[in-house]
């Protein structure tokens, strides 16, 4: 049975090394040395360096994703309020990750973008079914009127991820605000909610 302490040591080691070096220059041997375990032990837990990084991503977003899953069960709370809480939790986690990566002088723009894309992919993949369930609950309660809950969840997550993290498509604060206002307006019209009724969503973003 896997030793979770060693598992976490490996992730901690890679996380620490990422603050000092480019991911592409970090070897499995260095990760093992930083973790204080043998290189052979690494492969007992992970088949490759990329697999370690993927696990690190998963751990970084574990808290907001678990929050999202818990919120999906809180059917007594408005679906839009739950959506706002999920967005706030994920933005906080993403901002923390980006601030950590920006402290690395060794990291190139290309690698920073690659790391960022990995995080966005994981975030959207994990949150789409959760957000879809919340939207579906809103439809069943007649709070939301929309035929494609899964598509709506994906659209919202992609727009928010790209705009709020502001790396893939750099924008000014004014441009970001305009996009968010546009998204809220489309949500109001698409879900047949009164104009201005979902403005509170932007307050958490």
N, C-alpha and C. Protein backbone atom coordinates (compact mmCIF):
# COMPACT_ATOMS: atom_id res chain seq x y z
N UNK A 1 0.85 -1.19 0.00
CA UNK A 1 0.00 0.00 0.00
C UNK A 1 0.89 1.25 0.00
N UNK A 2 0.57 2.24 -0.85
CA UNK A 2 1.39 3.44 -0.95
C UNK A 2 1.52 4.18 0.38
N UNK A 3 2.71 4.68 0.65
CA UNK A 3 2.97 5.49 1.84
C UNK A 3 2.64 6.94 1.48
N UNK A 4 1.56 7.50 2.03
CA UNK A 4 1.11 8.83 1.65
C UNK A 4 2.10 9.90 2.10
N UNK A 5 2.89 9.62 3.14
CA UNK A 5 3.89 10.59 3.56
C UNK A 5 4.95 10.75 2.49
N UNK A 6 5.38 9.62 1.92
CA UNK A 6 6.36 9.69 0.83
C UNK A 6 5.75 10.36 -0.40
N UNK A 7 4.50 10.03 -0.67
CA UNK A 7 3.78 10.61 -1.80
C UNK A 7 3.79 12.14 -1.68
N UNK A 8 3.44 12.64 -0.50
CA UNK A 8 3.40 14.08 -0.28
C UNK A 8 4.80 14.69 -0.32
N UNK A 9 5.80 13.96 0.15
CA UNK A 9 7.17 14.45 0.10
C UNK A 9 7.61 14.69 -1.34
N UNK A 10 7.20 13.79 -2.22
CA UNK A 10 7.56 13.92 -3.64
C UNK A 10 6.92 15.17 -4.24
N UNK A 11 5.64 15.37 -3.93
CA UNK A 11 4.95 16.55 -4.45
C UNK A 11 5.54 17.83 -3.87
N UNK A 12 5.85 17.80 -2.58
CA UNK A 12 6.46 18.98 -1.93
C UNK A 12 7.81 19.30 -2.56
N UNK A 13 8.55 18.26 -2.89
CA UNK A 13 9.88 18.45 -3.48
C UNK A 13 9.77 19.12 -4.84
N UNK A 14 8.86 18.64 -5.68
CA UNK A 14 8.69 19.25 -7.00
C UNK A 14 8.19 20.69 -6.87
N UNK A 15 7.27 20.92 -5.96
CA UNK A 15 6.73 22.27 -5.75
C UNK A 15 7.85 23.23 -5.36
N UNK A 16 8.73 22.77 -4.48
CA UNK A 16 9.86 23.60 -4.04
C UNK A 16 10.83 23.87 -5.19
N UNK A 17 11.11 22.84 -5.98
CA UNK A 17 12.04 22.99 -7.10
C UNK A 17 11.48 23.92 -8.17
N UNK A 18 10.17 23.91 -8.36
CA UNK A 18 9.56 24.76 -9.37
C UNK A 18 9.74 26.25 -9.04
N UNK A 19 9.94 26.55 -7.76
CA UNK A 19 10.18 27.93 -7.37
C UNK A 19 11.61 28.39 -7.66
N UNK A 20 12.46 27.43 -8.06
CA UNK A 20 13.87 27.75 -8.28
C UNK A 20 14.33 27.49 -9.71
N UNK A 21 13.69 26.51 -10.37
CA UNK A 21 14.17 26.09 -11.68
C UNK A 21 13.02 25.91 -12.67
N UNK A 22 13.40 25.82 -13.94
CA UNK A 22 12.43 25.50 -14.97
C UNK A 22 12.03 24.04 -14.84
N UNK A 23 10.77 23.74 -15.11
CA UNK A 23 10.29 22.37 -15.00
C UNK A 23 11.09 21.44 -15.91
N UNK A 24 11.40 21.91 -17.12
CA UNK A 24 12.07 21.05 -18.09
C UNK A 24 13.49 20.68 -17.66
N UNK A 25 14.08 21.46 -16.75
CA UNK A 25 15.45 21.16 -16.30
C UNK A 25 15.48 20.34 -15.03
N UNK A 26 14.32 20.11 -14.43
CA UNK A 26 14.26 19.34 -13.20
C UNK A 26 14.22 17.85 -13.53
N UNK A 27 15.11 17.09 -12.95
CA UNK A 27 15.15 15.65 -13.20
C UNK A 27 14.45 14.89 -12.08
N UNK A 28 14.11 13.65 -12.37
CA UNK A 28 13.51 12.80 -11.35
C UNK A 28 14.50 12.59 -10.20
N UNK A 29 15.78 12.51 -10.54
CA UNK A 29 16.81 12.35 -9.51
C UNK A 29 16.82 13.53 -8.54
N UNK A 30 16.66 14.74 -9.09
CA UNK A 30 16.63 15.93 -8.24
C UNK A 30 15.41 15.93 -7.33
N UNK A 31 14.28 15.49 -7.88
CA UNK A 31 13.06 15.41 -7.07
C UNK A 31 13.26 14.42 -5.93
N UNK A 32 13.86 13.29 -6.25
CA UNK A 32 14.11 12.27 -5.23
C UNK A 32 15.04 12.80 -4.15
N UNK A 33 16.09 13.50 -4.57
CA UNK A 33 17.06 14.05 -3.62
C UNK A 33 16.39 15.09 -2.71
N UNK A 34 15.58 15.96 -3.32
CA UNK A 34 14.89 17.00 -2.55
C UNK A 34 13.88 16.38 -1.57
N UNK A 35 13.31 15.24 -1.98
CA UNK A 35 12.32 14.57 -1.14
C UNK A 35 12.98 13.70 -0.07
N UNK A 36 14.28 13.45 -0.25
CA UNK A 36 14.99 12.62 0.71
C UNK A 36 14.68 11.14 0.59
N UNK A 37 14.37 10.71 -0.64
CA UNK A 37 14.08 9.29 -0.87
C UNK A 37 14.86 8.81 -2.10
N UNK A 38 14.91 7.53 -2.30
CA UNK A 38 15.62 6.97 -3.44
C UNK A 38 14.87 7.21 -4.75
N UNK A 39 15.63 7.32 -5.85
CA UNK A 39 15.01 7.55 -7.15
C UNK A 39 14.05 6.42 -7.52
N UNK A 40 14.42 5.19 -7.16
CA UNK A 40 13.56 4.06 -7.48
C UNK A 40 12.20 4.15 -6.82
N UNK A 41 12.17 4.78 -5.65
CA UNK A 41 10.90 4.92 -4.93
C UNK A 41 9.94 5.84 -5.67
N UNK A 42 10.51 6.81 -6.40
CA UNK A 42 9.67 7.75 -7.16
C UNK A 42 8.76 6.98 -8.11
N UNK A 43 9.36 6.00 -8.80
CA UNK A 43 8.61 5.27 -9.83
C UNK A 43 7.59 4.30 -9.25
N UNK A 44 7.66 4.07 -7.97
CA UNK A 44 6.64 3.25 -7.31
C UNK A 44 5.34 4.05 -7.22
N UNK A 45 5.49 5.37 -7.11
CA UNK A 45 4.32 6.24 -6.96
C UNK A 45 3.91 6.91 -8.27
N UNK A 46 4.90 7.22 -9.12
CA UNK A 46 4.61 7.95 -10.37
C UNK A 46 5.40 7.36 -11.53
N UNK A 47 4.77 7.20 -12.70
CA UNK A 47 5.49 6.64 -13.85
C UNK A 47 6.43 7.64 -14.52
N UNK A 48 6.24 8.95 -14.25
CA UNK A 48 7.07 9.95 -14.92
C UNK A 48 7.02 11.28 -14.16
N UNK A 49 7.88 12.20 -14.58
CA UNK A 49 7.90 13.53 -13.98
C UNK A 49 6.59 14.26 -14.25
N UNK A 50 6.07 14.09 -15.47
CA UNK A 50 4.80 14.74 -15.81
C UNK A 50 3.67 14.26 -14.90
N UNK A 51 3.70 12.99 -14.54
CA UNK A 51 2.67 12.44 -13.65
C UNK A 51 2.77 13.08 -12.26
N UNK A 52 3.99 13.38 -11.83
CA UNK A 52 4.17 14.06 -10.53
C UNK A 52 3.57 15.45 -10.61
N UNK A 53 3.83 16.12 -11.72
CA UNK A 53 3.31 17.48 -11.88
C UNK A 53 1.78 17.48 -11.92
N UNK A 54 1.21 16.50 -12.62
CA UNK A 54 -0.25 16.42 -12.70
C UNK A 54 -0.84 16.21 -11.30
N UNK A 55 -0.18 15.40 -10.49
CA UNK A 55 -0.65 15.16 -9.13
C UNK A 55 -0.52 16.42 -8.28
N UNK A 56 0.53 17.20 -8.54
CA UNK A 56 0.71 18.46 -7.81
C UNK A 56 -0.40 19.44 -8.15
N UNK A 57 -0.77 19.49 -9.42
CA UNK A 57 -1.88 20.34 -9.84
C UNK A 57 -3.16 19.94 -9.11
N UNK A 58 -3.42 18.65 -9.10
CA UNK A 58 -4.62 18.14 -8.44
C UNK A 58 -4.65 18.54 -6.97
N UNK A 59 -3.51 18.44 -6.30
CA UNK A 59 -3.45 18.80 -4.89
C UNK A 59 -3.65 20.30 -4.68
N UNK A 60 -3.09 21.10 -5.57
CA UNK A 60 -3.21 22.55 -5.45
C UNK A 60 -4.66 23.00 -5.49
N UNK A 61 -5.45 22.32 -6.32
CA UNK A 61 -6.85 22.72 -6.49
C UNK A 61 -7.81 21.87 -5.67
N UNK A 62 -7.28 21.03 -4.81
CA UNK A 62 -8.13 20.11 -4.04
C UNK A 62 -9.15 20.86 -3.19
N UNK A 63 -8.71 21.91 -2.50
CA UNK A 63 -9.61 22.64 -1.60
C UNK A 63 -10.78 23.30 -2.33
N UNK A 64 -10.54 24.12 -3.38
CA UNK A 64 -11.68 24.75 -4.06
C UNK A 64 -12.58 23.75 -4.77
N UNK A 65 -12.02 22.67 -5.27
CA UNK A 65 -12.84 21.67 -5.96
C UNK A 65 -13.72 20.93 -4.96
N UNK A 66 -13.17 20.61 -3.80
CA UNK A 66 -13.99 19.99 -2.77
C UNK A 66 -15.08 20.93 -2.29
N UNK A 67 -14.75 22.22 -2.21
CA UNK A 67 -15.75 23.24 -1.86
C UNK A 67 -16.87 23.24 -2.88
N UNK A 68 -16.49 23.16 -4.15
CA UNK A 68 -17.49 23.16 -5.22
C UNK A 68 -18.40 21.94 -5.13
N UNK A 69 -17.82 20.79 -4.84
CA UNK A 69 -18.61 19.56 -4.74
C UNK A 69 -19.58 19.63 -3.56
N UNK A 70 -19.12 20.22 -2.46
CA UNK A 70 -20.00 20.38 -1.30
C UNK A 70 -21.14 21.34 -1.62
N UNK A 71 -20.82 22.41 -2.36
CA UNK A 71 -21.85 23.39 -2.71
C UNK A 71 -22.91 22.79 -3.65
N UNK A 72 -22.49 21.84 -4.45
CA UNK A 72 -23.45 21.20 -5.37
C UNK A 72 -24.55 20.49 -4.60
N UNK A 73 -24.25 20.10 -3.36
CA UNK A 73 -25.24 19.39 -2.54
C UNK A 73 -26.17 20.34 -1.79
N UNK A 74 -25.78 21.62 -1.70
CA UNK A 74 -26.57 22.59 -0.93
C UNK A 74 -27.70 23.16 -1.78
N UNK A 75 -28.69 22.33 -2.05
CA UNK A 75 -29.77 22.72 -2.97
C UNK A 75 -30.67 23.82 -2.43
N UNK A 76 -30.57 24.11 -1.13
CA UNK A 76 -31.40 25.18 -0.57
C UNK A 76 -30.82 26.56 -0.88
N UNK A 77 -29.56 26.60 -1.34
CA UNK A 77 -28.92 27.86 -1.70
C UNK A 77 -29.12 28.11 -3.20
N UNK A 78 -29.36 29.36 -3.56
CA UNK A 78 -29.55 29.73 -4.97
C UNK A 78 -28.40 29.20 -5.82
N UNK A 79 -28.69 28.64 -7.01
CA UNK A 79 -27.62 28.12 -7.87
C UNK A 79 -26.60 29.20 -8.24
N UNK A 80 -27.08 30.44 -8.43
CA UNK A 80 -26.15 31.50 -8.81
C UNK A 80 -25.26 31.91 -7.64
N UNK A 81 -25.78 31.84 -6.43
CA UNK A 81 -24.95 32.12 -5.26
C UNK A 81 -23.87 31.06 -5.12
N UNK A 82 -24.22 29.81 -5.35
CA UNK A 82 -23.24 28.74 -5.29
C UNK A 82 -22.19 28.89 -6.38
N UNK A 83 -22.62 29.29 -7.56
CA UNK A 83 -21.69 29.53 -8.65
C UNK A 83 -20.68 30.61 -8.25
N UNK A 84 -21.17 31.70 -7.66
CA UNK A 84 -20.30 32.80 -7.26
C UNK A 84 -19.28 32.35 -6.22
N UNK A 85 -19.72 31.52 -5.29
CA UNK A 85 -18.82 31.02 -4.24
C UNK A 85 -17.74 30.12 -4.83
N UNK A 86 -18.10 29.33 -5.81
CA UNK A 86 -17.14 28.46 -6.48
C UNK A 86 -16.11 29.29 -7.22
N UNK A 87 -16.57 30.31 -7.94
CA UNK A 87 -15.65 31.16 -8.70
C UNK A 87 -14.66 31.85 -7.77
N UNK A 88 -15.16 32.33 -6.64
CA UNK A 88 -14.29 33.03 -5.68
C UNK A 88 -13.22 32.09 -5.13
N UNK A 89 -13.61 30.87 -4.79
CA UNK A 89 -12.66 29.90 -4.24
C UNK A 89 -11.58 29.54 -5.25
N UNK A 90 -11.99 29.35 -6.49
CA UNK A 90 -11.03 28.96 -7.53
C UNK A 90 -10.12 30.12 -7.92
N UNK A 91 -10.65 31.31 -7.93
CA UNK A 91 -9.82 32.48 -8.25
C UNK A 91 -8.74 32.65 -7.18
N UNK A 92 -9.09 32.45 -5.94
CA UNK A 92 -8.12 32.59 -4.86
C UNK A 92 -7.00 31.56 -5.00
N UNK A 93 -7.38 30.31 -5.30
CA UNK A 93 -6.39 29.25 -5.46
C UNK A 93 -5.49 29.51 -6.65
N UNK A 94 -6.08 29.95 -7.76
CA UNK A 94 -5.32 30.22 -8.97
C UNK A 94 -4.37 31.39 -8.77
N UNK A 95 -4.83 32.43 -8.07
CA UNK A 95 -3.99 33.60 -7.82
C UNK A 95 -2.79 33.23 -6.98
N UNK A 96 -3.00 32.35 -6.00
CA UNK A 96 -1.90 31.90 -5.15
C UNK A 96 -0.85 31.16 -5.97
N UNK A 97 -1.31 30.27 -6.84
CA UNK A 97 -0.39 29.52 -7.70
C UNK A 97 0.42 30.44 -8.59
N UNK A 98 -0.25 31.40 -9.23
CA UNK A 98 0.44 32.28 -10.15
C UNK A 98 1.44 33.18 -9.43
N UNK A 99 1.10 33.64 -8.24
CA UNK A 99 2.03 34.49 -7.50
C UNK A 99 3.28 33.70 -7.11
N UNK A 100 3.12 32.43 -6.80
CA UNK A 100 4.26 31.58 -6.47
C UNK A 100 5.16 31.38 -7.68
N UNK A 101 4.55 31.14 -8.83
CA UNK A 101 5.33 30.91 -10.03
C UNK A 101 6.04 32.17 -10.50
N UNK A 102 5.42 33.33 -10.29
CA UNK A 102 6.04 34.58 -10.73
C UNK A 102 7.28 34.94 -9.93
N UNK A 103 7.48 34.29 -8.79
CA UNK A 103 8.66 34.58 -7.98
C UNK A 103 9.90 33.88 -8.54
N UNK A 104 9.70 33.00 -9.51
CA UNK A 104 10.83 32.28 -10.09
C UNK A 104 11.45 33.06 -11.23
N UNK A 105 12.70 33.49 -11.07
CA UNK A 105 13.37 34.24 -12.13
C UNK A 105 13.80 33.32 -13.26
N UNK A 106 13.85 32.02 -12.99
CA UNK A 106 14.30 31.07 -13.99
C UNK A 106 13.20 30.70 -14.99
N UNK A 107 11.97 30.99 -14.62
CA UNK A 107 10.85 30.52 -15.43
C UNK A 107 10.65 31.39 -16.66
N UNK A 108 10.62 30.79 -17.82
CA UNK A 108 10.40 31.53 -19.05
C UNK A 108 8.92 31.75 -19.27
N UNK A 109 8.59 32.69 -20.15
CA UNK A 109 7.19 32.96 -20.47
C UNK A 109 6.53 31.72 -21.05
N UNK A 110 7.28 30.99 -21.90
CA UNK A 110 6.74 29.78 -22.52
C UNK A 110 6.37 28.74 -21.47
N UNK A 111 7.25 28.53 -20.50
CA UNK A 111 6.96 27.53 -19.47
C UNK A 111 5.84 28.01 -18.56
N UNK A 112 5.83 29.30 -18.25
CA UNK A 112 4.78 29.84 -17.40
C UNK A 112 3.42 29.63 -18.04
N UNK A 113 3.35 29.85 -19.36
CA UNK A 113 2.10 29.66 -20.08
C UNK A 113 1.71 28.18 -20.08
N UNK A 114 2.68 27.31 -20.25
CA UNK A 114 2.41 25.87 -20.26
C UNK A 114 1.88 25.41 -18.91
N UNK A 115 2.53 25.87 -17.83
CA UNK A 115 2.07 25.53 -16.49
C UNK A 115 0.65 26.02 -16.27
N UNK A 116 0.40 27.23 -16.73
CA UNK A 116 -0.91 27.85 -16.57
C UNK A 116 -1.98 27.04 -17.31
N UNK A 117 -1.66 26.62 -18.53
CA UNK A 117 -2.62 25.84 -19.32
C UNK A 117 -2.95 24.52 -18.62
N UNK A 118 -1.96 23.93 -17.98
CA UNK A 118 -2.20 22.69 -17.24
C UNK A 118 -3.20 22.92 -16.12
N UNK A 119 -3.05 24.03 -15.43
CA UNK A 119 -3.96 24.34 -14.33
C UNK A 119 -5.37 24.60 -14.85
N UNK A 120 -5.48 25.36 -15.93
CA UNK A 120 -6.79 25.66 -16.47
C UNK A 120 -7.50 24.39 -16.94
N UNK A 121 -6.75 23.50 -17.59
CA UNK A 121 -7.34 22.26 -18.07
C UNK A 121 -7.89 21.44 -16.91
N UNK A 122 -7.11 21.34 -15.84
CA UNK A 122 -7.56 20.57 -14.67
C UNK A 122 -8.77 21.22 -14.03
N UNK A 123 -8.72 22.53 -13.89
CA UNK A 123 -9.82 23.25 -13.25
C UNK A 123 -11.13 23.06 -14.01
N UNK A 124 -11.10 23.26 -15.32
CA UNK A 124 -12.30 23.14 -16.13
C UNK A 124 -12.81 21.70 -16.13
N UNK A 125 -11.90 20.74 -16.27
CA UNK A 125 -12.29 19.33 -16.29
C UNK A 125 -12.99 18.92 -15.00
N UNK A 126 -12.45 19.37 -13.86
CA UNK A 126 -13.00 18.97 -12.57
C UNK A 126 -14.29 19.72 -12.23
N UNK A 127 -14.36 20.98 -12.61
CA UNK A 127 -15.51 21.79 -12.21
C UNK A 127 -16.71 21.71 -13.16
N UNK A 128 -16.47 21.32 -14.40
CA UNK A 128 -17.58 21.29 -15.36
C UNK A 128 -18.74 20.41 -14.88
N UNK A 129 -18.52 19.16 -14.47
CA UNK A 129 -19.66 18.34 -14.03
C UNK A 129 -20.33 18.89 -12.77
N UNK A 130 -19.55 19.53 -11.89
CA UNK A 130 -20.11 20.11 -10.67
C UNK A 130 -21.01 21.29 -11.01
N UNK A 131 -20.49 22.18 -11.84
CA UNK A 131 -21.27 23.36 -12.23
C UNK A 131 -22.48 22.95 -13.06
N UNK A 132 -22.33 21.93 -13.88
CA UNK A 132 -23.46 21.42 -14.67
C UNK A 132 -24.58 20.94 -13.75
N UNK A 133 -24.21 20.24 -12.68
CA UNK A 133 -25.21 19.74 -11.73
C UNK A 133 -25.95 20.89 -11.06
N UNK A 134 -25.22 21.95 -10.71
CA UNK A 134 -25.84 23.11 -10.06
C UNK A 134 -26.81 23.80 -11.03
N UNK A 135 -26.40 23.95 -12.27
CA UNK A 135 -27.27 24.57 -13.27
C UNK A 135 -28.50 23.70 -13.51
N UNK A 136 -28.30 22.40 -13.56
CA UNK A 136 -29.42 21.48 -13.76
C UNK A 136 -30.42 21.59 -12.62
N UNK A 137 -29.91 21.73 -11.39
CA UNK A 137 -30.80 21.92 -10.25
C UNK A 137 -31.61 23.21 -10.40
N UNK A 138 -30.95 24.25 -10.89
CA UNK A 138 -31.63 25.52 -11.11
C UNK A 138 -32.72 25.39 -12.16
N UNK A 139 -32.47 24.58 -13.17
CA UNK A 139 -33.46 24.35 -14.23
C UNK A 139 -34.67 23.60 -13.66
N UNK A 140 -34.38 22.57 -12.87
CA UNK A 140 -35.46 21.78 -12.27
C UNK A 140 -36.31 22.60 -11.31
N UNK A 141 -35.68 23.58 -10.65
CA UNK A 141 -36.41 24.46 -9.72
C UNK A 141 -37.01 25.68 -10.41
N UNK A 142 -36.84 25.73 -11.74
CA UNK A 142 -37.36 26.83 -12.56
C UNK A 142 -36.75 28.18 -12.19
N UNK A 143 -35.53 28.15 -11.66
CA UNK A 143 -34.78 29.38 -11.41
C UNK A 143 -33.93 29.73 -12.63
N UNK A 144 -33.62 28.73 -13.42
CA UNK A 144 -32.83 28.89 -14.63
C UNK A 144 -33.61 28.27 -15.79
N UNK A 145 -33.63 28.98 -16.91
CA UNK A 145 -34.31 28.47 -18.09
C UNK A 145 -33.28 28.36 -19.21
N UNK A 146 -32.78 27.15 -19.41
CA UNK A 146 -31.73 26.93 -20.40
C UNK A 146 -31.74 25.46 -20.79
N UNK A 147 -31.54 25.18 -22.06
CA UNK A 147 -31.65 23.80 -22.55
C UNK A 147 -30.35 23.01 -22.48
N UNK A 148 -29.23 23.69 -22.31
CA UNK A 148 -27.94 23.00 -22.40
C UNK A 148 -27.08 23.30 -21.16
N UNK A 149 -27.38 22.70 -20.02
CA UNK A 149 -26.63 23.00 -18.79
C UNK A 149 -25.14 22.70 -18.88
N UNK A 150 -24.76 21.60 -19.52
CA UNK A 150 -23.35 21.25 -19.64
C UNK A 150 -22.59 22.27 -20.48
N UNK A 151 -23.21 22.69 -21.58
CA UNK A 151 -22.58 23.68 -22.46
C UNK A 151 -22.44 25.01 -21.75
N UNK A 152 -23.46 25.40 -21.00
CA UNK A 152 -23.41 26.66 -20.26
C UNK A 152 -22.30 26.63 -19.22
N UNK A 153 -22.16 25.51 -18.52
CA UNK A 153 -21.10 25.37 -17.52
C UNK A 153 -19.72 25.52 -18.16
N UNK A 154 -19.53 24.88 -19.30
CA UNK A 154 -18.24 24.95 -19.97
C UNK A 154 -17.93 26.36 -20.46
N UNK A 155 -18.92 27.02 -21.04
CA UNK A 155 -18.73 28.38 -21.54
C UNK A 155 -18.32 29.32 -20.41
N UNK A 156 -19.05 29.25 -19.31
CA UNK A 156 -18.76 30.12 -18.16
C UNK A 156 -17.36 29.85 -17.62
N UNK A 157 -17.00 28.60 -17.47
CA UNK A 157 -15.68 28.25 -16.92
C UNK A 157 -14.54 28.70 -17.83
N UNK A 158 -14.71 28.53 -19.13
CA UNK A 158 -13.66 28.94 -20.06
C UNK A 158 -13.46 30.45 -20.03
N UNK A 159 -14.54 31.20 -20.08
CA UNK A 159 -14.44 32.66 -20.06
C UNK A 159 -13.80 33.15 -18.77
N UNK A 160 -14.29 32.63 -17.65
CA UNK A 160 -13.76 33.08 -16.36
C UNK A 160 -12.29 32.69 -16.19
N UNK A 161 -11.95 31.46 -16.56
CA UNK A 161 -10.58 30.99 -16.40
C UNK A 161 -9.60 31.84 -17.19
N UNK A 162 -9.93 32.07 -18.45
CA UNK A 162 -9.03 32.82 -19.33
C UNK A 162 -8.93 34.28 -18.91
N UNK A 163 -10.05 34.90 -18.62
CA UNK A 163 -10.05 36.32 -18.31
C UNK A 163 -9.51 36.64 -16.93
N UNK A 164 -9.94 35.88 -15.93
CA UNK A 164 -9.53 36.21 -14.56
C UNK A 164 -8.05 35.95 -14.31
N UNK A 165 -7.50 34.90 -14.91
CA UNK A 165 -6.09 34.64 -14.69
C UNK A 165 -5.21 35.53 -15.55
N UNK A 166 -5.78 36.05 -16.64
CA UNK A 166 -5.16 37.13 -17.41
C UNK A 166 -3.74 36.82 -17.90
N UNK A 167 -3.53 35.59 -18.37
CA UNK A 167 -2.23 35.24 -18.93
C UNK A 167 -2.32 34.85 -20.39
N UNK A 168 -3.29 34.02 -20.73
CA UNK A 168 -3.40 33.55 -22.11
C UNK A 168 -3.82 34.68 -23.04
N UNK A 169 -4.70 35.55 -22.55
CA UNK A 169 -5.16 36.71 -23.32
C UNK A 169 -5.03 37.93 -22.41
N UNK A 170 -3.84 38.52 -22.30
CA UNK A 170 -3.64 39.65 -21.39
C UNK A 170 -4.59 40.80 -21.69
N UNK A 171 -5.21 41.34 -20.65
CA UNK A 171 -6.19 42.41 -20.81
C UNK A 171 -6.00 43.43 -19.69
N UNK A 172 -6.48 44.64 -19.95
CA UNK A 172 -6.45 45.67 -18.93
C UNK A 172 -7.57 45.40 -17.93
N UNK A 173 -7.52 45.97 -16.74
CA UNK A 173 -8.61 45.80 -15.78
C UNK A 173 -9.95 46.22 -16.35
N UNK A 174 -9.94 47.26 -17.17
CA UNK A 174 -11.18 47.73 -17.79
C UNK A 174 -11.74 46.71 -18.77
N UNK A 175 -10.86 46.07 -19.54
CA UNK A 175 -11.29 45.06 -20.50
C UNK A 175 -11.84 43.83 -19.79
N UNK A 176 -11.19 43.46 -18.70
CA UNK A 176 -11.67 42.30 -17.93
C UNK A 176 -13.05 42.60 -17.36
N UNK A 177 -13.20 43.78 -16.79
CA UNK A 177 -14.49 44.17 -16.22
C UNK A 177 -15.58 44.18 -17.29
N UNK A 178 -15.26 44.66 -18.47
CA UNK A 178 -16.24 44.70 -19.56
C UNK A 178 -16.66 43.28 -19.97
N UNK A 179 -15.68 42.38 -20.03
CA UNK A 179 -15.99 40.99 -20.39
C UNK A 179 -16.89 40.34 -19.34
N UNK A 180 -16.57 40.57 -18.06
CA UNK A 180 -17.37 40.00 -16.98
C UNK A 180 -18.80 40.55 -17.01
N UNK A 181 -18.93 41.86 -17.27
CA UNK A 181 -20.26 42.45 -17.36
C UNK A 181 -21.03 41.85 -18.54
N UNK A 182 -20.30 41.60 -19.64
CA UNK A 182 -20.94 40.98 -20.80
C UNK A 182 -21.39 39.57 -20.50
N UNK A 183 -20.55 38.82 -19.76
CA UNK A 183 -20.90 37.46 -19.39
C UNK A 183 -22.15 37.44 -18.51
N UNK A 184 -22.21 38.33 -17.54
CA UNK A 184 -23.36 38.40 -16.65
C UNK A 184 -24.62 38.76 -17.45
N UNK A 185 -24.48 39.70 -18.38
CA UNK A 185 -25.63 40.09 -19.20
C UNK A 185 -26.15 38.91 -20.03
N UNK A 186 -25.21 38.14 -20.60
CA UNK A 186 -25.60 36.97 -21.38
C UNK A 186 -26.26 35.91 -20.50
N UNK A 187 -25.73 35.74 -19.28
CA UNK A 187 -26.33 34.79 -18.35
C UNK A 187 -27.75 35.20 -17.99
N UNK A 188 -27.95 36.47 -17.77
CA UNK A 188 -29.29 36.96 -17.42
C UNK A 188 -30.27 36.71 -18.56
N UNK A 189 -29.85 37.03 -19.78
CA UNK A 189 -30.73 36.85 -20.93
C UNK A 189 -30.93 35.36 -21.25
N UNK A 190 -29.83 34.60 -21.20
CA UNK A 190 -29.91 33.19 -21.56
C UNK A 190 -30.69 32.35 -20.58
N UNK A 191 -30.69 32.78 -19.31
CA UNK A 191 -31.41 32.01 -18.29
C UNK A 191 -32.73 32.67 -17.90
N UNK A 192 -33.09 33.73 -18.63
CA UNK A 192 -34.36 34.44 -18.43
C UNK A 192 -34.49 35.03 -17.03
N UNK A 193 -33.38 35.62 -16.57
CA UNK A 193 -33.40 36.34 -15.31
C UNK A 193 -33.45 37.84 -15.61
N UNK A 194 -34.08 38.63 -14.74
CA UNK A 194 -34.20 40.08 -14.98
C UNK A 194 -32.84 40.75 -15.10
N UNK A 195 -32.76 41.80 -15.90
CA UNK A 195 -31.53 42.55 -16.07
C UNK A 195 -31.06 43.11 -14.73
N UNK A 196 -29.79 42.89 -14.42
CA UNK A 196 -29.22 43.38 -13.17
C UNK A 196 -29.33 42.42 -12.01
N UNK A 197 -30.12 41.35 -12.18
CA UNK A 197 -30.35 40.42 -11.06
C UNK A 197 -29.13 39.57 -10.73
N UNK A 198 -28.23 39.41 -11.68
CA UNK A 198 -27.04 38.59 -11.44
C UNK A 198 -25.77 39.42 -11.34
N UNK A 199 -25.93 40.71 -11.18
CA UNK A 199 -24.77 41.59 -11.09
C UNK A 199 -23.88 41.23 -9.91
N UNK A 200 -24.47 40.65 -8.87
CA UNK A 200 -23.70 40.29 -7.68
C UNK A 200 -22.60 39.27 -7.99
N UNK A 201 -22.73 38.55 -9.11
CA UNK A 201 -21.72 37.57 -9.48
C UNK A 201 -20.36 38.21 -9.66
N UNK A 202 -20.33 39.42 -10.21
CA UNK A 202 -19.05 40.09 -10.48
C UNK A 202 -18.37 40.54 -9.20
N UNK A 203 -19.10 40.66 -8.12
CA UNK A 203 -18.54 41.15 -6.86
C UNK A 203 -17.58 40.13 -6.25
N UNK A 204 -17.71 38.86 -6.65
CA UNK A 204 -16.83 37.81 -6.12
C UNK A 204 -15.63 37.54 -7.01
N UNK A 205 -15.59 38.23 -8.15
CA UNK A 205 -14.57 37.90 -9.15
C UNK A 205 -13.45 38.93 -9.17
